[in-house]
Amino acid sequence: MGLDDKIKNAAEDVSGKAKEATGKATNDEELEAEGKGDQAKADMKKAGENVKDAFK
């Protein structure tokens, strides 16, 4: 996993957490769900990169 990919995934995860927190604070279920989705997407990318790294 390249450093750029790690940074992008971490940024996506942080962004998702911020969206989720904002959604909870403003009672915006759609924004909260979007934040959770962004976090899940970042987690899947991390897992995929870890698998690639394991086979190098």
N, C-alpha and C. Protein backbone atom coordinates (compact mmCIF):
# COMPACT_ATOMS: atom_id res chain seq x y z
N MET A 1 0.87 -1.17 0.00
CA MET A 1 0.00 0.00 0.00
C MET A 1 0.91 1.22 0.00
N GLY A 2 0.70 2.09 -0.96
CA GLY A 2 1.50 3.29 -1.04
C GLY A 2 1.08 4.31 0.00
N LEU A 3 2.00 5.18 0.30
CA LEU A 3 1.73 6.22 1.29
C LEU A 3 0.56 7.09 0.85
N ASP A 4 0.48 7.41 -0.44
CA ASP A 4 -0.63 8.22 -0.95
C ASP A 4 -1.97 7.55 -0.69
N ASP A 5 -2.02 6.23 -0.92
CA ASP A 5 -3.27 5.49 -0.68
C ASP A 5 -3.65 5.50 0.79
N LYS A 6 -2.65 5.34 1.65
CA LYS A 6 -2.92 5.36 3.10
C LYS A 6 -3.47 6.71 3.53
N ILE A 7 -2.89 7.77 3.00
CA ILE A 7 -3.34 9.12 3.35
C ILE A 7 -4.76 9.36 2.84
N LYS A 8 -5.04 8.95 1.61
CA LYS A 8 -6.37 9.13 1.04
C LYS A 8 -7.41 8.34 1.83
N ASN A 9 -7.09 7.10 2.20
CA ASN A 9 -8.03 6.29 2.96
C ASN A 9 -8.27 6.88 4.34
N ALA A 10 -7.21 7.37 4.97
CA ALA A 10 -7.36 7.99 6.30
C ALA A 10 -8.20 9.26 6.20
N ALA A 11 -7.99 10.04 5.15
CA ALA A 11 -8.77 11.26 4.96
C ALA A 11 -10.24 10.93 4.73
N GLU A 12 -10.50 9.90 3.95
CA GLU A 12 -11.89 9.49 3.70
C GLU A 12 -12.55 9.01 4.99
N ASP A 13 -11.80 8.29 5.81
CA ASP A 13 -12.32 7.81 7.08
C ASP A 13 -12.64 8.98 8.02
N VAL A 14 -11.73 9.94 8.11
CA VAL A 14 -11.94 11.10 8.97
C VAL A 14 -13.12 11.93 8.46
N SER A 15 -13.20 12.09 7.17
CA SER A 15 -14.31 12.83 6.57
C SER A 15 -15.64 12.15 6.89
N GLY A 16 -15.65 10.83 6.81
CA GLY A 16 -16.86 10.07 7.11
C GLY A 16 -17.26 10.23 8.57
N LYS A 17 -16.28 10.22 9.46
CA LYS A 17 -16.57 10.41 10.88
C LYS A 17 -17.13 11.80 11.14
N ALA A 18 -16.59 12.79 10.46
CA ALA A 18 -17.08 14.16 10.62
C ALA A 18 -18.51 14.29 10.11
N LYS A 19 -18.79 13.67 8.95
CA LYS A 19 -20.15 13.71 8.41
C LYS A 19 -21.12 13.02 9.36
N GLU A 20 -20.71 11.88 9.89
CA GLU A 20 -21.57 11.15 10.81
C GLU A 20 -21.86 11.99 12.06
N ALA A 21 -20.83 12.60 12.62
CA ALA A 21 -21.01 13.42 13.82
C ALA A 21 -21.90 14.64 13.53
N THR A 22 -21.69 15.26 12.39
CA THR A 22 -22.52 16.41 12.01
C THR A 22 -23.97 15.98 11.81
N GLY A 23 -24.16 14.83 11.18
CA GLY A 23 -25.50 14.31 10.97
C GLY A 23 -26.22 14.03 12.29
N LYS A 24 -25.48 13.46 13.25
CA LYS A 24 -26.07 13.20 14.56
C LYS A 24 -26.42 14.50 15.27
N ALA A 25 -25.50 15.47 15.19
CA ALA A 25 -25.71 16.75 15.89
C ALA A 25 -26.88 17.54 15.32
N THR A 26 -27.08 17.44 14.01
CA THR A 26 -28.14 18.21 13.36
C THR A 26 -29.39 17.38 13.11
N ASN A 27 -29.36 16.12 13.59
CA ASN A 27 -30.49 15.21 13.40
C ASN A 27 -30.78 14.97 11.91
N ASP A 28 -29.70 14.92 11.11
CA ASP A 28 -29.79 14.68 9.67
C ASP A 28 -29.39 13.23 9.40
N GLU A 29 -30.37 12.36 9.32
CA GLU A 29 -30.11 10.93 9.15
C GLU A 29 -29.40 10.61 7.84
N GLU A 30 -29.70 11.37 6.80
CA GLU A 30 -29.07 11.13 5.50
C GLU A 30 -27.57 11.41 5.57
N LEU A 31 -27.19 12.53 6.19
CA LEU A 31 -25.78 12.87 6.32
C LEU A 31 -25.06 11.87 7.22
N GLU A 32 -25.73 11.45 8.26
CA GLU A 32 -25.15 10.45 9.16
C GLU A 32 -24.88 9.14 8.42
N ALA A 33 -25.85 8.71 7.62
CA ALA A 33 -25.69 7.48 6.84
C ALA A 33 -24.59 7.62 5.80
N GLU A 34 -24.50 8.79 5.19
CA GLU A 34 -23.43 9.03 4.21
C GLU A 34 -22.07 8.93 4.88
N GLY A 35 -21.95 9.47 6.08
CA GLY A 35 -20.69 9.39 6.82
C GLY A 35 -20.32 7.95 7.14
N LYS A 36 -21.30 7.17 7.56
CA LYS A 36 -21.05 5.75 7.85
C LYS A 36 -20.63 5.02 6.58
N GLY A 37 -21.25 5.37 5.47
CA GLY A 37 -20.89 4.76 4.19
C GLY A 37 -19.47 5.10 3.77
N ASP A 38 -19.08 6.35 3.97
CA ASP A 38 -17.71 6.75 3.64
C ASP A 38 -16.70 5.99 4.49
N GLN A 39 -17.03 5.79 5.76
CA GLN A 39 -16.13 5.04 6.64
C GLN A 39 -16.03 3.59 6.20
N ALA A 40 -17.13 3.01 5.83
CA ALA A 40 -17.14 1.62 5.37
C ALA A 40 -16.33 1.47 4.08
N LYS A 41 -16.47 2.44 3.19
CA LYS A 41 -15.72 2.41 1.94
C LYS A 41 -14.21 2.49 2.21
N ALA A 42 -13.83 3.35 3.13
CA ALA A 42 -12.42 3.49 3.48
C ALA A 42 -11.90 2.20 4.10
N ASP A 43 -12.71 1.57 4.94
CA ASP A 43 -12.31 0.30 5.56
C ASP A 43 -12.11 -0.79 4.52
N MET A 44 -12.99 -0.84 3.53
CA MET A 44 -12.87 -1.84 2.47
C MET A 44 -11.60 -1.62 1.64
N LYS A 45 -11.30 -0.36 1.36
CA LYS A 45 -10.08 -0.05 0.61
C LYS A 45 -8.85 -0.47 1.40
N LYS A 46 -8.86 -0.19 2.71
CA LYS A 46 -7.73 -0.58 3.56
C LYS A 46 -7.55 -2.09 3.54
N ALA A 47 -8.65 -2.82 3.65
CA ALA A 47 -8.59 -4.28 3.66
C ALA A 47 -8.05 -4.81 2.33
N GLY A 48 -8.50 -4.23 1.23
CA GLY A 48 -8.01 -4.64 -0.09
C GLY A 48 -6.53 -4.38 -0.25
N GLU A 49 -6.07 -3.25 0.22
CA GLU A 49 -4.65 -2.92 0.12
C GLU A 49 -3.82 -3.84 1.02
N ASN A 50 -4.36 -4.21 2.18
CA ASN A 50 -3.65 -5.12 3.07
C ASN A 50 -3.50 -6.50 2.43
N VAL A 51 -4.52 -6.94 1.71
CA VAL A 51 -4.43 -8.23 1.00
C VAL A 51 -3.36 -8.15 -0.08
N LYS A 52 -3.35 -7.05 -0.82
CA LYS A 52 -2.32 -6.88 -1.86
C LYS A 52 -0.93 -6.90 -1.24
N ASP A 53 -0.77 -6.21 -0.11
CA ASP A 53 0.53 -6.16 0.56
C ASP A 53 0.97 -7.54 1.04
N ALA A 54 0.01 -8.35 1.46
CA ALA A 54 0.33 -9.69 1.97
C ALA A 54 0.89 -10.57 0.87
N PHE A 55 0.51 -10.34 -0.37
CA PHE A 55 0.97 -11.18 -1.47
C PHE A 55 2.20 -10.63 -2.18
N LYS A 56 2.74 -9.55 -1.69
CA LYS A 56 3.96 -9.00 -2.31
C LYS A 56 5.18 -9.72 -1.82
